[in-house]
């Protein structure tokens, strides 16, 4: 019993770290979608990623209208591929799989940040700021549209936005010749 009590804080810290890593990874994907993916370059990406992302920025609340699988299918597919690669490489650390699992649910957590009455446990996790709140995420949908890309927690966005992480990353990517495209109403002409 004593071993269990001593292990609990370490387990909680590892789990929080997994949550933050998943939030950062999902935020990087969200940022890449919003910043770099323009329609018309790849039919598959357009159908499954680009067009839903543009539509989400036109009508943010519409994310609540899809089924669980419509909302999460792409992230679950990405997570399944990552989990398969981890397993094939012999990774046994539970933290890696927890991180992948949390990432697989990033769109669901994002959808709950667009609802006024999420499930009770989710509402409590939002209240304690482990899951992103509607107020925190609403900032992403207001001008200048280039902030608050992490949609899982309220913890990383203030830090990343404060140090201008996304603008620095954009500058770095542009050094290799990339052109910015923003899937947002103000910058994409919608």
N, C-alpha and C. Protein backbone atom coordinates (compact mmCIF):
# COMPACT_ATOMS: atom_id res chain seq x y z
N UNK A 1 0.82 -1.19 0.00
CA UNK A 1 0.00 0.00 0.00
C UNK A 1 0.87 1.26 0.00
N UNK A 2 1.94 1.25 0.78
CA UNK A 2 2.83 2.39 0.84
C UNK A 2 3.46 2.65 -0.52
N UNK A 3 3.85 1.59 -1.21
CA UNK A 3 4.42 1.75 -2.56
C UNK A 3 3.43 2.42 -3.50
N UNK A 4 2.17 2.04 -3.40
CA UNK A 4 1.13 2.64 -4.23
C UNK A 4 0.99 4.13 -3.92
N UNK A 5 0.98 4.49 -2.65
CA UNK A 5 0.87 5.89 -2.26
C UNK A 5 2.07 6.70 -2.73
N UNK A 6 3.24 6.09 -2.69
CA UNK A 6 4.45 6.79 -3.14
C UNK A 6 4.48 6.91 -4.66
N UNK A 7 3.88 5.95 -5.35
CA UNK A 7 3.89 5.97 -6.81
C UNK A 7 2.83 6.92 -7.38
N UNK A 8 1.80 7.24 -6.63
CA UNK A 8 0.70 8.08 -7.12
C UNK A 8 1.16 9.45 -7.62
N UNK A 9 1.99 10.19 -6.88
CA UNK A 9 2.43 11.49 -7.40
C UNK A 9 3.23 11.37 -8.71
N UNK A 10 4.07 10.36 -8.79
CA UNK A 10 4.85 10.16 -10.03
C UNK A 10 3.91 9.83 -11.19
N UNK A 11 2.92 8.98 -10.93
CA UNK A 11 1.94 8.63 -11.96
C UNK A 11 1.19 9.88 -12.42
N UNK A 12 0.77 10.72 -11.47
CA UNK A 12 0.05 11.95 -11.82
C UNK A 12 0.93 12.88 -12.63
N UNK A 13 2.18 13.03 -12.25
CA UNK A 13 3.10 13.90 -12.97
C UNK A 13 3.35 13.37 -14.38
N UNK A 14 3.55 12.07 -14.51
CA UNK A 14 3.76 11.48 -15.84
C UNK A 14 2.52 11.66 -16.70
N UNK A 15 1.35 11.48 -16.12
CA UNK A 15 0.10 11.64 -16.87
C UNK A 15 -0.09 13.08 -17.32
N UNK A 16 0.21 14.05 -16.45
CA UNK A 16 0.13 15.46 -16.82
C UNK A 16 1.11 15.77 -17.94
N UNK A 17 2.30 15.21 -17.86
CA UNK A 17 3.29 15.41 -18.92
C UNK A 17 2.77 14.86 -20.24
N UNK A 18 2.14 13.69 -20.21
CA UNK A 18 1.55 13.11 -21.43
C UNK A 18 0.48 14.03 -22.00
N UNK A 19 -0.36 14.60 -21.12
CA UNK A 19 -1.40 15.52 -21.55
C UNK A 19 -0.80 16.73 -22.23
N UNK A 20 0.25 17.29 -21.66
CA UNK A 20 0.88 18.48 -22.23
C UNK A 20 1.59 18.18 -23.55
N UNK A 21 2.24 17.03 -23.64
CA UNK A 21 2.89 16.65 -24.90
C UNK A 21 1.84 16.44 -25.99
N UNK A 22 0.74 15.77 -25.65
CA UNK A 22 -0.34 15.57 -26.62
C UNK A 22 -0.93 16.91 -27.04
N UNK A 23 -1.08 17.83 -26.09
CA UNK A 23 -1.61 19.16 -26.41
C UNK A 23 -0.67 19.89 -27.36
N UNK A 24 0.62 19.84 -27.10
CA UNK A 24 1.59 20.51 -27.97
C UNK A 24 1.58 19.88 -29.37
N UNK A 25 1.56 18.57 -29.45
CA UNK A 25 1.54 17.90 -30.76
C UNK A 25 0.27 18.25 -31.53
N UNK A 26 -0.88 18.20 -30.85
CA UNK A 26 -2.13 18.57 -31.51
C UNK A 26 -2.11 20.04 -31.91
N UNK A 27 -1.53 20.89 -31.06
CA UNK A 27 -1.41 22.31 -31.40
C UNK A 27 -0.54 22.54 -32.62
N UNK A 28 0.54 21.77 -32.74
CA UNK A 28 1.41 21.89 -33.91
C UNK A 28 0.64 21.51 -35.18
N UNK A 29 -0.13 20.43 -35.10
CA UNK A 29 -0.93 20.02 -36.26
C UNK A 29 -1.99 21.08 -36.58
N UNK A 30 -2.64 21.60 -35.56
CA UNK A 30 -3.66 22.64 -35.75
C UNK A 30 -3.03 23.87 -36.40
N UNK A 31 -1.88 24.29 -35.88
CA UNK A 31 -1.17 25.43 -36.44
C UNK A 31 -0.81 25.17 -37.90
N UNK A 32 -0.31 23.98 -38.20
CA UNK A 32 0.07 23.65 -39.58
C UNK A 32 -1.14 23.68 -40.50
N UNK A 33 -2.26 23.13 -40.04
CA UNK A 33 -3.49 23.18 -40.84
C UNK A 33 -3.88 24.62 -41.13
N UNK A 34 -3.95 25.43 -40.08
CA UNK A 34 -4.42 26.81 -40.23
C UNK A 34 -3.46 27.67 -41.03
N UNK A 35 -2.18 27.37 -40.97
CA UNK A 35 -1.17 28.25 -41.55
C UNK A 35 -0.72 27.84 -42.95
N UNK A 36 -0.66 26.55 -43.21
CA UNK A 36 0.00 26.10 -44.43
C UNK A 36 -0.89 25.37 -45.43
N UNK A 37 -1.97 24.76 -44.99
CA UNK A 37 -2.75 23.92 -45.91
C UNK A 37 -3.81 24.72 -46.66
N UNK A 38 -3.53 24.99 -47.92
CA UNK A 38 -4.48 25.68 -48.80
C UNK A 38 -5.22 24.63 -49.63
N UNK A 39 -6.47 24.90 -49.97
CA UNK A 39 -7.21 23.93 -50.78
C UNK A 39 -6.68 23.86 -52.21
N UNK A 40 -6.95 22.72 -52.84
CA UNK A 40 -6.62 22.56 -54.25
C UNK A 40 -5.31 21.90 -54.56
N UNK A 41 -4.57 21.46 -53.55
CA UNK A 41 -3.27 20.83 -53.80
C UNK A 41 -3.31 19.32 -53.72
N UNK A 42 -4.23 18.77 -52.94
CA UNK A 42 -4.31 17.34 -52.76
C UNK A 42 -5.75 16.98 -52.41
N UNK A 43 -6.41 16.21 -53.26
CA UNK A 43 -7.83 15.90 -53.08
C UNK A 43 -8.10 15.18 -51.75
N UNK A 44 -7.22 14.28 -51.37
CA UNK A 44 -7.40 13.54 -50.12
C UNK A 44 -7.29 14.47 -48.92
N UNK A 45 -6.23 15.30 -48.89
CA UNK A 45 -6.09 16.27 -47.80
C UNK A 45 -7.24 17.27 -47.79
N UNK A 46 -7.65 17.70 -48.98
CA UNK A 46 -8.77 18.65 -49.06
C UNK A 46 -10.01 18.07 -48.39
N UNK A 47 -10.35 16.83 -48.74
CA UNK A 47 -11.59 16.21 -48.24
C UNK A 47 -11.55 15.98 -46.73
N UNK A 48 -10.43 15.49 -46.23
CA UNK A 48 -10.39 15.06 -44.83
C UNK A 48 -9.82 16.09 -43.86
N UNK A 49 -9.07 17.07 -44.37
CA UNK A 49 -8.42 18.02 -43.46
C UNK A 49 -8.70 19.48 -43.83
N UNK A 50 -8.37 19.88 -45.06
CA UNK A 50 -8.41 21.29 -45.43
C UNK A 50 -9.84 21.84 -45.42
N UNK A 51 -10.75 21.19 -46.14
CA UNK A 51 -12.12 21.70 -46.21
C UNK A 51 -12.82 21.71 -44.85
N UNK A 52 -12.70 20.63 -44.04
CA UNK A 52 -13.31 20.72 -42.70
C UNK A 52 -12.69 21.83 -41.85
N UNK A 53 -11.40 22.07 -42.00
CA UNK A 53 -10.74 23.12 -41.22
C UNK A 53 -11.25 24.50 -41.64
N UNK A 54 -11.37 24.74 -42.94
CA UNK A 54 -11.90 26.02 -43.42
C UNK A 54 -13.34 26.20 -42.94
N UNK A 55 -14.13 25.14 -43.07
CA UNK A 55 -15.53 25.21 -42.62
C UNK A 55 -15.60 25.48 -41.12
N UNK A 56 -14.69 24.89 -40.35
CA UNK A 56 -14.69 25.13 -38.91
C UNK A 56 -14.42 26.60 -38.59
N UNK A 57 -13.57 27.24 -39.35
CA UNK A 57 -13.30 28.65 -39.10
C UNK A 57 -14.43 29.54 -39.61
N UNK A 58 -15.19 29.07 -40.59
CA UNK A 58 -16.38 29.81 -41.03
C UNK A 58 -17.49 29.70 -40.00
N UNK A 59 -17.69 28.48 -39.51
CA UNK A 59 -18.77 28.18 -38.57
C UNK A 59 -18.22 27.34 -37.42
N UNK A 60 -17.56 27.98 -36.44
CA UNK A 60 -16.89 27.23 -35.38
C UNK A 60 -17.80 26.26 -34.62
N UNK A 61 -19.03 26.63 -34.37
CA UNK A 61 -19.93 25.77 -33.60
C UNK A 61 -20.36 24.52 -34.33
N UNK A 62 -20.15 24.46 -35.63
CA UNK A 62 -20.57 23.30 -36.40
C UNK A 62 -19.81 22.03 -36.01
N UNK A 63 -18.69 22.18 -35.33
CA UNK A 63 -17.92 21.01 -34.89
C UNK A 63 -18.76 20.13 -33.97
N UNK A 64 -19.78 20.70 -33.34
CA UNK A 64 -20.64 19.93 -32.44
C UNK A 64 -21.67 19.09 -33.20
N UNK A 65 -21.83 19.31 -34.49
CA UNK A 65 -22.88 18.65 -35.25
C UNK A 65 -22.50 17.28 -35.79
N UNK A 66 -21.21 17.00 -35.88
CA UNK A 66 -20.76 15.72 -36.42
C UNK A 66 -20.90 14.60 -35.41
N UNK A 67 -20.88 13.38 -35.91
CA UNK A 67 -20.86 12.22 -35.02
C UNK A 67 -19.46 12.12 -34.39
N UNK A 68 -19.34 11.26 -33.42
CA UNK A 68 -18.04 11.04 -32.78
C UNK A 68 -17.00 10.68 -33.84
N UNK A 69 -17.34 9.79 -34.75
CA UNK A 69 -16.38 9.32 -35.76
C UNK A 69 -16.08 10.39 -36.78
N UNK A 70 -17.06 11.21 -37.13
CA UNK A 70 -16.80 12.32 -38.06
C UNK A 70 -15.86 13.34 -37.43
N UNK A 71 -16.04 13.58 -36.14
CA UNK A 71 -15.21 14.55 -35.43
C UNK A 71 -13.79 14.03 -35.21
N UNK A 72 -13.66 12.75 -34.91
CA UNK A 72 -12.39 12.21 -34.44
C UNK A 72 -11.69 11.23 -35.39
N UNK A 73 -12.31 10.89 -36.48
CA UNK A 73 -11.76 9.86 -37.36
C UNK A 73 -10.33 10.12 -37.82
N UNK A 74 -10.03 11.33 -38.23
CA UNK A 74 -8.68 11.64 -38.72
C UNK A 74 -7.66 11.53 -37.60
N UNK A 75 -7.97 12.09 -36.42
CA UNK A 75 -6.99 12.03 -35.33
C UNK A 75 -6.83 10.61 -34.80
N UNK A 76 -7.90 9.84 -34.80
CA UNK A 76 -7.79 8.44 -34.39
C UNK A 76 -6.93 7.67 -35.39
N UNK A 77 -7.11 7.94 -36.67
CA UNK A 77 -6.29 7.29 -37.70
C UNK A 77 -4.81 7.62 -37.55
N UNK A 78 -4.51 8.90 -37.32
CA UNK A 78 -3.12 9.30 -37.12
C UNK A 78 -2.55 8.62 -35.87
N UNK A 79 -3.34 8.62 -34.79
CA UNK A 79 -2.88 8.01 -33.54
C UNK A 79 -2.68 6.51 -33.70
N UNK A 80 -3.56 5.84 -34.43
CA UNK A 80 -3.40 4.40 -34.64
C UNK A 80 -2.11 4.11 -35.40
N UNK A 81 -1.80 4.93 -36.40
CA UNK A 81 -0.55 4.73 -37.15
C UNK A 81 0.66 4.95 -36.24
N UNK A 82 0.61 5.98 -35.41
CA UNK A 82 1.73 6.24 -34.49
C UNK A 82 1.87 5.11 -33.48
N UNK A 83 0.75 4.63 -32.94
CA UNK A 83 0.80 3.52 -31.98
C UNK A 83 1.37 2.27 -32.62
N UNK A 84 1.00 2.01 -33.87
CA UNK A 84 1.53 0.84 -34.58
C UNK A 84 3.05 0.97 -34.77
N UNK A 85 3.51 2.17 -35.10
CA UNK A 85 4.95 2.39 -35.26
C UNK A 85 5.67 2.20 -33.92
N UNK A 86 5.09 2.74 -32.85
CA UNK A 86 5.69 2.56 -31.52
C UNK A 86 5.79 1.08 -31.17
N UNK A 87 4.71 0.35 -31.41
CA UNK A 87 4.70 -1.09 -31.10
C UNK A 87 5.72 -1.83 -31.96
N UNK A 88 5.80 -1.48 -33.25
CA UNK A 88 6.75 -2.14 -34.15
C UNK A 88 8.20 -1.86 -33.73
N UNK A 89 8.41 -0.70 -33.11
CA UNK A 89 9.75 -0.34 -32.64
C UNK A 89 10.04 -0.87 -31.24
N UNK A 90 9.10 -1.61 -30.68
CA UNK A 90 9.31 -2.21 -29.37
C UNK A 90 9.15 -1.26 -28.18
N UNK A 91 8.43 -0.17 -28.38
CA UNK A 91 8.21 0.77 -27.28
C UNK A 91 7.19 0.17 -26.32
N UNK A 92 7.55 0.10 -25.04
CA UNK A 92 6.66 -0.48 -24.03
C UNK A 92 6.21 0.54 -22.99
N UNK A 93 6.72 1.75 -23.04
CA UNK A 93 6.40 2.77 -22.04
C UNK A 93 4.93 3.18 -22.15
N UNK A 94 4.20 3.03 -21.06
CA UNK A 94 2.78 3.36 -21.06
C UNK A 94 2.57 4.83 -21.36
N UNK A 95 3.54 5.68 -21.02
CA UNK A 95 3.40 7.12 -21.26
C UNK A 95 3.28 7.44 -22.75
N UNK A 96 4.02 6.71 -23.56
CA UNK A 96 3.94 6.95 -25.00
C UNK A 96 2.54 6.65 -25.53
N UNK A 97 1.96 5.58 -25.06
CA UNK A 97 0.63 5.19 -25.53
C UNK A 97 -0.46 6.09 -24.95
N UNK A 98 -0.27 6.57 -23.72
CA UNK A 98 -1.23 7.51 -23.15
C UNK A 98 -1.20 8.82 -23.93
N UNK A 99 -0.01 9.27 -24.27
CA UNK A 99 0.13 10.50 -25.07
C UNK A 99 -0.58 10.35 -26.41
N UNK A 100 -0.38 9.22 -27.06
CA UNK A 100 -1.02 8.96 -28.36
C UNK A 100 -2.54 8.90 -28.19
N UNK A 101 -3.01 8.24 -27.12
CA UNK A 101 -4.44 8.16 -26.88
C UNK A 101 -5.05 9.55 -26.67
N UNK A 102 -4.41 10.36 -25.84
CA UNK A 102 -4.92 11.72 -25.61
C UNK A 102 -4.95 12.49 -26.94
N UNK A 103 -3.89 12.37 -27.71
CA UNK A 103 -3.86 13.02 -29.02
C UNK A 103 -4.98 12.56 -29.93
N UNK A 104 -5.34 11.28 -29.84
CA UNK A 104 -6.42 10.75 -30.67
C UNK A 104 -7.75 11.40 -30.34
N UNK A 105 -7.86 11.97 -29.14
CA UNK A 105 -9.10 12.60 -28.71
C UNK A 105 -9.04 14.13 -28.76
N UNK A 106 -8.01 14.68 -29.39
CA UNK A 106 -7.85 16.14 -29.39
C UNK A 106 -9.01 16.85 -30.08
N UNK A 107 -9.55 16.27 -31.14
CA UNK A 107 -10.70 16.92 -31.79
C UNK A 107 -11.93 16.86 -30.90
N UNK A 108 -12.08 15.78 -30.13
CA UNK A 108 -13.22 15.69 -29.22
C UNK A 108 -13.11 16.75 -28.13
N UNK A 109 -11.91 16.91 -27.58
CA UNK A 109 -11.69 17.94 -26.57
C UNK A 109 -11.92 19.32 -27.16
N UNK A 110 -11.51 19.51 -28.40
CA UNK A 110 -11.74 20.75 -29.13
C UNK A 110 -13.24 20.99 -29.28
N UNK A 111 -13.98 19.95 -29.66
CA UNK A 111 -15.44 20.08 -29.81
C UNK A 111 -16.09 20.47 -28.48
N UNK A 112 -15.62 19.88 -27.38
CA UNK A 112 -16.19 20.21 -26.07
C UNK A 112 -15.88 21.65 -25.68
N UNK A 113 -14.79 22.22 -26.22
CA UNK A 113 -14.48 23.63 -25.97
C UNK A 113 -15.42 24.54 -26.75
N UNK A 114 -16.24 23.97 -27.61
CA UNK A 114 -17.23 24.74 -28.38
C UNK A 114 -18.65 24.50 -27.87
N UNK A 115 -18.79 23.88 -26.71
CA UNK A 115 -20.13 23.61 -26.20
C UNK A 115 -20.30 24.21 -24.81
N UNK A 116 -21.52 24.60 -24.53
CA UNK A 116 -21.79 25.22 -23.22
C UNK A 116 -22.12 24.19 -22.15
N UNK A 117 -22.44 22.97 -22.54
CA UNK A 117 -22.75 21.95 -21.52
C UNK A 117 -22.13 20.60 -21.90
N UNK A 118 -20.81 20.49 -21.73
CA UNK A 118 -20.16 19.21 -22.00
C UNK A 118 -20.52 18.19 -20.92
N UNK A 119 -20.14 16.94 -21.10
CA UNK A 119 -20.38 15.94 -20.05
C UNK A 119 -19.81 16.43 -18.71
N UNK A 120 -20.41 15.99 -17.62
CA UNK A 120 -20.08 16.49 -16.28
C UNK A 120 -18.59 16.38 -15.94
N UNK A 121 -17.97 15.22 -16.22
CA UNK A 121 -16.55 15.06 -15.92
C UNK A 121 -15.71 16.03 -16.76
N UNK A 122 -16.07 16.19 -18.02
CA UNK A 122 -15.35 17.13 -18.90
C UNK A 122 -15.51 18.55 -18.37
N UNK A 123 -16.71 18.91 -17.95
CA UNK A 123 -16.95 20.26 -17.41
C UNK A 123 -16.07 20.50 -16.19
N UNK A 124 -15.93 19.49 -15.34
CA UNK A 124 -15.08 19.64 -14.16
C UNK A 124 -13.62 19.79 -14.58
N UNK A 125 -13.16 18.98 -15.55
CA UNK A 125 -11.78 19.07 -16.01
C UNK A 125 -11.53 20.42 -16.69
N UNK A 126 -12.55 20.98 -17.33
CA UNK A 126 -12.42 22.33 -17.88
C UNK A 126 -12.35 23.36 -16.75
N UNK A 127 -13.15 23.16 -15.73
CA UNK A 127 -13.17 24.09 -14.60
C UNK A 127 -11.82 24.17 -13.90
N UNK A 128 -11.12 23.03 -13.81
CA UNK A 128 -9.79 23.02 -13.19
C UNK A 128 -8.69 23.26 -14.23
N UNK A 129 -9.07 23.59 -15.45
CA UNK A 129 -8.20 23.98 -16.55
C UNK A 129 -7.29 22.87 -17.08
N UNK A 130 -7.63 21.61 -16.81
CA UNK A 130 -6.88 20.51 -17.44
C UNK A 130 -7.36 20.33 -18.87
N UNK A 131 -8.65 20.56 -19.13
CA UNK A 131 -9.17 20.56 -20.49
C UNK A 131 -9.50 22.00 -20.86
N UNK A 132 -9.40 22.30 -22.14
CA UNK A 132 -9.61 23.67 -22.57
C UNK A 132 -11.06 24.12 -22.40
N UNK A 133 -11.21 25.34 -21.94
CA UNK A 133 -12.53 25.93 -21.75
C UNK A 133 -12.97 26.65 -23.02
N UNK A 134 -14.27 26.90 -23.10
CA UNK A 134 -14.81 27.63 -24.24
C UNK A 134 -14.23 29.04 -24.31
N UNK A 135 -14.09 29.69 -23.16
CA UNK A 135 -13.55 31.06 -23.15
C UNK A 135 -12.11 31.09 -23.65
N UNK A 136 -11.31 30.12 -23.25
CA UNK A 136 -9.91 30.06 -23.70
C UNK A 136 -9.86 29.83 -25.21
N UNK A 137 -10.65 28.90 -25.70
CA UNK A 137 -10.58 28.58 -27.13
C UNK A 137 -11.19 29.67 -28.00
N UNK A 138 -12.15 30.41 -27.47
CA UNK A 138 -12.79 31.48 -28.26
C UNK A 138 -11.76 32.49 -28.77
N UNK A 139 -10.68 32.67 -28.03
CA UNK A 139 -9.63 33.61 -28.45
C UNK A 139 -9.06 33.21 -29.81
N UNK A 140 -8.98 31.91 -30.08
CA UNK A 140 -8.45 31.43 -31.36
C UNK A 140 -9.34 31.87 -32.53
N UNK A 141 -10.61 32.05 -32.28
CA UNK A 141 -11.56 32.39 -33.34
C UNK A 141 -11.82 33.89 -33.46
N UNK A 142 -10.98 34.69 -32.82
CA UNK A 142 -11.06 36.15 -32.93
C UNK A 142 -9.77 36.69 -33.54
N UNK A 143 -9.89 37.84 -34.16
CA UNK A 143 -8.69 38.48 -34.72
C UNK A 143 -7.62 38.60 -33.65
N UNK A 144 -6.39 38.36 -33.96
CA UNK A 144 -5.76 38.20 -35.27
C UNK A 144 -5.73 36.76 -35.79
N UNK A 145 -6.42 35.83 -35.16
CA UNK A 145 -6.57 34.45 -35.61
C UNK A 145 -5.27 33.64 -35.61
N UNK A 146 -4.23 34.13 -35.04
CA UNK A 146 -2.96 33.42 -35.07
C UNK A 146 -2.47 32.98 -33.71
N UNK A 147 -3.39 32.72 -32.79
CA UNK A 147 -3.03 32.34 -31.43
C UNK A 147 -3.90 31.18 -30.96
N UNK A 148 -3.53 30.62 -29.81
CA UNK A 148 -4.32 29.59 -29.13
C UNK A 148 -4.55 28.35 -29.99
N UNK A 149 -3.47 27.80 -30.53
CA UNK A 149 -3.59 26.61 -31.39
C UNK A 149 -3.75 25.32 -30.59
N UNK A 150 -3.26 25.27 -29.38
CA UNK A 150 -3.40 24.06 -28.56
C UNK A 150 -4.83 23.99 -28.04
N UNK A 151 -5.55 22.92 -28.37
CA UNK A 151 -6.97 22.85 -28.06
C UNK A 151 -7.30 21.81 -27.00
N UNK A 152 -6.30 21.27 -26.32
CA UNK A 152 -6.55 20.24 -25.33
C UNK A 152 -6.63 20.82 -23.92
N UNK A 153 -5.70 21.70 -23.57
CA UNK A 153 -5.68 22.28 -22.21
C UNK A 153 -5.64 23.79 -22.30
N UNK A 154 -5.75 24.45 -21.16
CA UNK A 154 -5.56 25.90 -21.05
C UNK A 154 -4.13 26.23 -20.66
N UNK A 155 -3.28 25.24 -20.52
CA UNK A 155 -1.97 25.44 -19.89
C UNK A 155 -0.89 25.96 -20.83
N UNK A 156 -0.82 25.47 -22.06
CA UNK A 156 0.29 25.82 -22.96
C UNK A 156 0.09 27.11 -23.73
N UNK A 157 -1.14 27.42 -24.13
CA UNK A 157 -1.37 28.58 -24.99
C UNK A 157 -0.82 29.89 -24.44
N UNK A 158 -1.06 30.24 -23.17
CA UNK A 158 -0.51 31.51 -22.69
C UNK A 158 1.02 31.56 -22.78
N UNK A 159 1.66 30.45 -22.55
CA UNK A 159 3.12 30.41 -22.62
C UNK A 159 3.59 30.53 -24.06
N UNK A 160 3.03 29.70 -24.94
CA UNK A 160 3.46 29.70 -26.35
C UNK A 160 3.13 31.02 -27.04
N UNK A 161 1.95 31.57 -26.77
CA UNK A 161 1.60 32.86 -27.36
C UNK A 161 2.47 33.97 -26.78
N UNK A 162 2.74 33.89 -25.49
CA UNK A 162 3.55 34.90 -24.82
C UNK A 162 4.97 35.00 -25.37
N UNK A 163 5.54 33.86 -25.74
CA UNK A 163 6.90 33.89 -26.29
C UNK A 163 6.90 33.96 -27.82
N UNK A 164 5.70 34.14 -28.40
CA UNK A 164 5.52 34.25 -29.86
C UNK A 164 6.07 33.00 -30.57
N UNK A 165 5.82 31.86 -29.98
CA UNK A 165 6.30 30.58 -30.49
C UNK A 165 5.84 30.34 -31.93
N UNK A 166 4.55 30.55 -32.19
CA UNK A 166 4.00 30.26 -33.52
C UNK A 166 4.56 31.20 -34.58
N UNK A 167 4.74 32.48 -34.23
CA UNK A 167 5.31 33.42 -35.20
C UNK A 167 6.77 33.06 -35.48
N UNK A 168 7.49 32.64 -34.45
CA UNK A 168 8.87 32.21 -34.66
C UNK A 168 8.96 30.98 -35.53
N UNK A 169 8.05 30.05 -35.31
CA UNK A 169 8.02 28.84 -36.12
C UNK A 169 7.67 29.17 -37.58
N UNK A 170 6.73 30.10 -37.76
CA UNK A 170 6.39 30.53 -39.12
C UNK A 170 7.60 31.17 -39.80
N UNK A 171 8.30 32.03 -39.08
CA UNK A 171 9.48 32.67 -39.64
C UNK A 171 10.48 31.60 -40.08
N UNK A 172 10.70 30.61 -39.21
CA UNK A 172 11.65 29.55 -39.52
C UNK A 172 11.24 28.77 -40.76
N UNK A 173 10.00 28.38 -40.86
CA UNK A 173 9.53 27.61 -42.01
C UNK A 173 9.60 28.45 -43.28
N UNK A 174 9.29 29.73 -43.18
CA UNK A 174 9.37 30.62 -44.35
C UNK A 174 10.80 30.77 -44.87
N UNK A 175 11.79 30.55 -44.02
CA UNK A 175 13.18 30.63 -44.46
C UNK A 175 13.50 29.55 -45.48
N UNK A 176 12.68 28.50 -45.52
CA UNK A 176 12.86 27.42 -46.49
C UNK A 176 11.95 27.59 -47.70
N UNK A 177 11.34 28.78 -47.86
CA UNK A 177 10.55 29.09 -49.05
C UNK A 177 9.07 28.84 -48.94
N UNK A 178 8.57 28.43 -47.81
CA UNK A 178 7.13 28.17 -47.67
C UNK A 178 6.36 29.49 -47.67
N UNK A 179 5.14 29.44 -48.17
CA UNK A 179 4.25 30.60 -48.19
C UNK A 179 3.11 30.35 -47.21
N UNK A 180 2.79 31.35 -46.42
CA UNK A 180 1.72 31.23 -45.43
C UNK A 180 0.37 31.34 -46.11
N UNK A 181 -0.54 30.46 -45.71
CA UNK A 181 -1.95 30.51 -46.07
C UNK A 181 -2.70 30.32 -44.76
N UNK A 182 -3.60 31.20 -44.45
CA UNK A 182 -4.35 31.05 -43.20
C UNK A 182 -5.80 30.71 -43.52
N UNK A 183 -6.27 29.62 -42.90
CA UNK A 183 -7.66 29.19 -43.07
C UNK A 183 -8.55 29.92 -42.09
N UNK A 184 -8.47 31.23 -42.10
CA UNK A 184 -9.25 32.03 -41.18
C UNK A 184 -10.04 33.07 -41.96
N UNK A 185 -11.17 33.52 -41.44
CA UNK A 185 -12.00 34.47 -42.17
C UNK A 185 -11.26 35.74 -42.59
N UNK A 186 -10.42 36.29 -41.74
CA UNK A 186 -9.79 37.56 -42.07
C UNK A 186 -8.67 37.42 -43.08
N UNK A 187 -7.96 36.30 -43.05
CA UNK A 187 -6.78 36.19 -43.91
C UNK A 187 -7.00 35.34 -45.13
N UNK A 188 -8.06 34.55 -45.15
CA UNK A 188 -8.32 33.71 -46.31
C UNK A 188 -9.43 34.29 -47.18
N UNK A 189 -9.95 35.44 -46.80
CA UNK A 189 -10.98 36.09 -47.60
C UNK A 189 -12.36 35.49 -47.43
N UNK A 190 -12.61 34.80 -46.37
CA UNK A 190 -13.92 34.20 -46.17
C UNK A 190 -14.78 35.09 -45.31
